[in-house]
């Protein structure tokens, strides 16, 4: 997995409060919710690199692992 890079985000207190409520509703951290929303917006705008795939946690993974993570083993 690629390294995650921290950065500072300054936002209006009302926006932060709304993000906190939304993140709590979806059982995510605020950071996870922001990451999810950014990735969703990038996909919709066609700006996410085509080889970047997303696993169940919402995190980007390398294409070489995509097959093994997408298939499920039956009991």
N, C-alpha and C. Protein backbone atom coordinates (compact mmCIF):
# COMPACT_ATOMS: atom_id res chain seq x y z
N UNK A 1 0.85 -1.17 0.00
CA UNK A 1 0.00 0.00 0.00
C UNK A 1 0.89 1.23 0.00
N UNK A 2 0.47 2.24 -0.71
CA UNK A 2 1.26 3.47 -0.76
C UNK A 2 1.14 4.21 0.57
N UNK A 3 2.13 5.03 0.84
CA UNK A 3 2.14 5.81 2.07
C UNK A 3 1.05 6.86 2.02
N UNK A 4 0.46 7.14 3.15
CA UNK A 4 -0.55 8.19 3.24
C UNK A 4 0.14 9.47 3.68
N UNK A 5 -0.23 10.57 3.06
CA UNK A 5 0.43 11.84 3.32
C UNK A 5 -0.49 12.77 4.10
N UNK A 6 -0.08 13.22 5.28
CA UNK A 6 -0.93 14.11 6.06
C UNK A 6 -0.92 15.54 5.50
N UNK A 7 -2.02 16.25 5.71
CA UNK A 7 -2.08 17.66 5.36
C UNK A 7 -3.12 18.33 6.25
N UNK A 8 -3.00 19.64 6.39
CA UNK A 8 -3.89 20.42 7.23
C UNK A 8 -5.08 20.89 6.41
N UNK A 9 -6.27 20.76 6.96
CA UNK A 9 -7.48 21.23 6.30
C UNK A 9 -8.15 22.24 7.22
N UNK A 10 -8.35 23.42 6.70
CA UNK A 10 -9.07 24.45 7.47
C UNK A 10 -10.46 24.58 6.88
N UNK A 11 -11.45 24.50 7.75
CA UNK A 11 -12.83 24.58 7.27
C UNK A 11 -13.70 25.29 8.30
N UNK A 12 -14.84 25.69 7.87
CA UNK A 12 -15.82 26.37 8.71
C UNK A 12 -16.30 25.41 9.81
N UNK A 13 -16.52 25.90 11.02
CA UNK A 13 -16.98 25.03 12.12
C UNK A 13 -18.29 24.30 11.80
N UNK A 14 -19.19 24.95 11.05
CA UNK A 14 -20.45 24.29 10.70
C UNK A 14 -20.22 23.12 9.74
N UNK A 15 -19.28 23.29 8.82
CA UNK A 15 -18.95 22.22 7.88
C UNK A 15 -18.33 21.05 8.65
N UNK A 16 -17.43 21.35 9.58
CA UNK A 16 -16.81 20.30 10.38
C UNK A 16 -17.85 19.56 11.22
N UNK A 17 -18.78 20.29 11.81
CA UNK A 17 -19.82 19.64 12.62
C UNK A 17 -20.69 18.72 11.75
N UNK A 18 -21.03 19.17 10.55
CA UNK A 18 -21.82 18.34 9.64
C UNK A 18 -21.04 17.10 9.23
N UNK A 19 -19.73 17.25 8.96
CA UNK A 19 -18.89 16.10 8.61
C UNK A 19 -18.81 15.11 9.77
N UNK A 20 -18.70 15.62 10.99
CA UNK A 20 -18.62 14.75 12.16
C UNK A 20 -19.91 13.94 12.31
N UNK A 21 -21.06 14.58 12.12
CA UNK A 21 -22.33 13.86 12.22
C UNK A 21 -22.44 12.80 11.12
N UNK A 22 -22.07 13.18 9.89
CA UNK A 22 -22.16 12.26 8.76
C UNK A 22 -21.23 11.08 8.96
N UNK A 23 -20.01 11.35 9.40
CA UNK A 23 -19.03 10.28 9.64
C UNK A 23 -19.56 9.33 10.73
N UNK A 24 -20.12 9.88 11.78
CA UNK A 24 -20.65 9.04 12.86
C UNK A 24 -21.80 8.17 12.35
N UNK A 25 -22.66 8.74 11.51
CA UNK A 25 -23.78 7.97 10.94
C UNK A 25 -23.29 6.80 10.10
N UNK A 26 -22.14 6.95 9.45
CA UNK A 26 -21.61 5.91 8.57
C UNK A 26 -20.50 5.09 9.23
N UNK A 27 -20.32 5.28 10.55
CA UNK A 27 -19.33 4.55 11.34
C UNK A 27 -17.90 4.73 10.79
N UNK A 28 -17.59 5.96 10.40
CA UNK A 28 -16.25 6.31 9.93
C UNK A 28 -15.69 7.41 10.81
N UNK A 29 -14.37 7.56 10.76
CA UNK A 29 -13.74 8.73 11.37
C UNK A 29 -13.97 9.90 10.43
N UNK A 30 -13.79 11.12 10.92
CA UNK A 30 -13.91 12.30 10.06
C UNK A 30 -12.89 12.20 8.93
N UNK A 31 -11.68 11.79 9.25
CA UNK A 31 -10.65 11.63 8.22
C UNK A 31 -11.09 10.61 7.17
N UNK A 32 -11.63 9.49 7.62
CA UNK A 32 -12.10 8.47 6.70
C UNK A 32 -13.24 8.97 5.83
N UNK A 33 -14.13 9.78 6.42
CA UNK A 33 -15.26 10.32 5.67
C UNK A 33 -14.77 11.30 4.60
N UNK A 34 -13.82 12.16 4.95
CA UNK A 34 -13.26 13.10 3.98
C UNK A 34 -12.58 12.34 2.85
N UNK A 35 -11.80 11.32 3.18
CA UNK A 35 -11.12 10.52 2.17
C UNK A 35 -12.14 9.85 1.25
N UNK A 36 -13.19 9.29 1.84
CA UNK A 36 -14.24 8.64 1.06
C UNK A 36 -14.89 9.63 0.10
N UNK A 37 -15.24 10.81 0.60
CA UNK A 37 -15.90 11.81 -0.24
C UNK A 37 -14.99 12.31 -1.36
N UNK A 38 -13.73 12.49 -1.05
CA UNK A 38 -12.79 12.93 -2.07
C UNK A 38 -12.65 11.87 -3.17
N UNK A 39 -12.52 10.62 -2.78
CA UNK A 39 -12.39 9.54 -3.78
C UNK A 39 -13.66 9.41 -4.62
N UNK A 40 -14.81 9.53 -3.97
CA UNK A 40 -16.08 9.45 -4.68
C UNK A 40 -16.19 10.59 -5.71
N UNK A 41 -15.84 11.79 -5.30
CA UNK A 41 -15.86 12.92 -6.21
C UNK A 41 -14.87 12.77 -7.36
N UNK A 42 -13.68 12.26 -7.05
CA UNK A 42 -12.68 12.03 -8.10
C UNK A 42 -13.14 10.99 -9.10
N UNK A 43 -13.77 9.90 -8.62
CA UNK A 43 -14.29 8.89 -9.53
C UNK A 43 -15.38 9.46 -10.42
N UNK A 44 -16.31 10.23 -9.83
CA UNK A 44 -17.42 10.80 -10.61
C UNK A 44 -16.92 11.79 -11.66
N UNK A 45 -15.84 12.49 -11.35
CA UNK A 45 -15.28 13.47 -12.28
C UNK A 45 -14.32 12.83 -13.27
N UNK A 46 -14.08 11.53 -13.12
CA UNK A 46 -13.15 10.84 -14.01
C UNK A 46 -11.71 11.24 -13.76
N UNK A 47 -11.39 11.65 -12.55
CA UNK A 47 -10.04 12.12 -12.23
C UNK A 47 -9.23 11.13 -11.41
N UNK A 48 -9.82 10.05 -10.98
CA UNK A 48 -9.07 9.02 -10.25
C UNK A 48 -8.32 8.20 -11.29
N UNK A 49 -7.02 7.95 -11.08
CA UNK A 49 -6.27 7.18 -12.08
C UNK A 49 -6.99 5.88 -12.40
N UNK A 50 -7.07 5.50 -13.69
CA UNK A 50 -7.84 4.32 -14.08
C UNK A 50 -7.35 3.02 -13.46
N UNK A 51 -6.06 2.92 -13.15
CA UNK A 51 -5.54 1.68 -12.57
C UNK A 51 -5.76 1.61 -11.07
N UNK A 52 -6.14 2.72 -10.46
CA UNK A 52 -6.37 2.72 -9.01
C UNK A 52 -7.71 2.05 -8.73
N UNK A 53 -7.67 1.03 -7.90
CA UNK A 53 -8.89 0.33 -7.52
C UNK A 53 -9.08 0.47 -6.02
N UNK A 54 -10.30 0.37 -5.59
CA UNK A 54 -10.64 0.59 -4.20
C UNK A 54 -11.10 -0.73 -3.59
N UNK A 55 -10.56 -1.05 -2.41
CA UNK A 55 -10.99 -2.27 -1.74
C UNK A 55 -12.17 -1.95 -0.82
N UNK A 56 -12.65 -2.90 -0.07
CA UNK A 56 -13.81 -2.72 0.79
C UNK A 56 -13.65 -1.67 1.87
N UNK A 57 -12.44 -1.35 2.26
CA UNK A 57 -12.23 -0.34 3.29
C UNK A 57 -12.23 1.06 2.71
N UNK A 58 -12.33 1.18 1.39
CA UNK A 58 -12.30 2.49 0.76
C UNK A 58 -10.91 2.97 0.44
N UNK A 59 -9.92 2.13 0.68
CA UNK A 59 -8.53 2.51 0.42
C UNK A 59 -8.07 2.01 -0.93
N UNK A 60 -7.19 2.78 -1.52
CA UNK A 60 -6.64 2.41 -2.82
C UNK A 60 -5.70 1.22 -2.65
N UNK A 61 -5.69 0.33 -3.64
CA UNK A 61 -4.76 -0.79 -3.60
C UNK A 61 -4.13 -0.93 -4.97
N UNK A 62 -3.03 -1.63 -4.99
CA UNK A 62 -2.31 -1.80 -6.25
C UNK A 62 -3.07 -2.78 -7.14
N UNK A 63 -2.98 -2.60 -8.47
CA UNK A 63 -3.71 -3.46 -9.38
C UNK A 63 -3.33 -4.93 -9.29
N UNK A 64 -2.10 -5.25 -8.91
CA UNK A 64 -1.68 -6.65 -8.87
C UNK A 64 -2.37 -7.44 -7.76
N UNK A 65 -2.92 -6.77 -6.77
CA UNK A 65 -3.63 -7.46 -5.69
C UNK A 65 -5.13 -7.49 -5.92
N UNK A 66 -5.62 -6.82 -6.95
CA UNK A 66 -7.06 -6.67 -7.14
C UNK A 66 -7.78 -8.00 -7.30
N UNK A 67 -7.22 -8.92 -8.05
CA UNK A 67 -7.89 -10.19 -8.27
C UNK A 67 -8.05 -10.98 -6.98
N UNK A 68 -7.01 -11.04 -6.18
CA UNK A 68 -7.09 -11.84 -4.96
C UNK A 68 -8.02 -11.22 -3.94
N UNK A 69 -8.16 -9.89 -3.94
CA UNK A 69 -9.03 -9.25 -2.97
C UNK A 69 -10.49 -9.22 -3.43
N UNK A 70 -10.73 -9.31 -4.72
CA UNK A 70 -12.09 -9.26 -5.22
C UNK A 70 -12.78 -10.62 -5.17
N UNK A 71 -12.02 -11.68 -5.18
CA UNK A 71 -12.64 -13.00 -5.14
C UNK A 71 -12.81 -13.45 -3.70
N UNK A 72 -13.90 -14.12 -3.45
CA UNK A 72 -14.13 -14.64 -2.10
C UNK A 72 -14.05 -16.14 -2.14
N UNK A 73 -13.59 -16.71 -1.07
CA UNK A 73 -13.48 -18.16 -0.98
C UNK A 73 -14.79 -18.71 -0.43
N UNK A 74 -15.29 -19.75 -1.08
CA UNK A 74 -16.50 -20.38 -0.59
C UNK A 74 -16.11 -21.47 0.40
N UNK A 75 -16.94 -21.65 1.45
CA UNK A 75 -16.63 -22.67 2.47
C UNK A 75 -16.72 -24.08 1.96
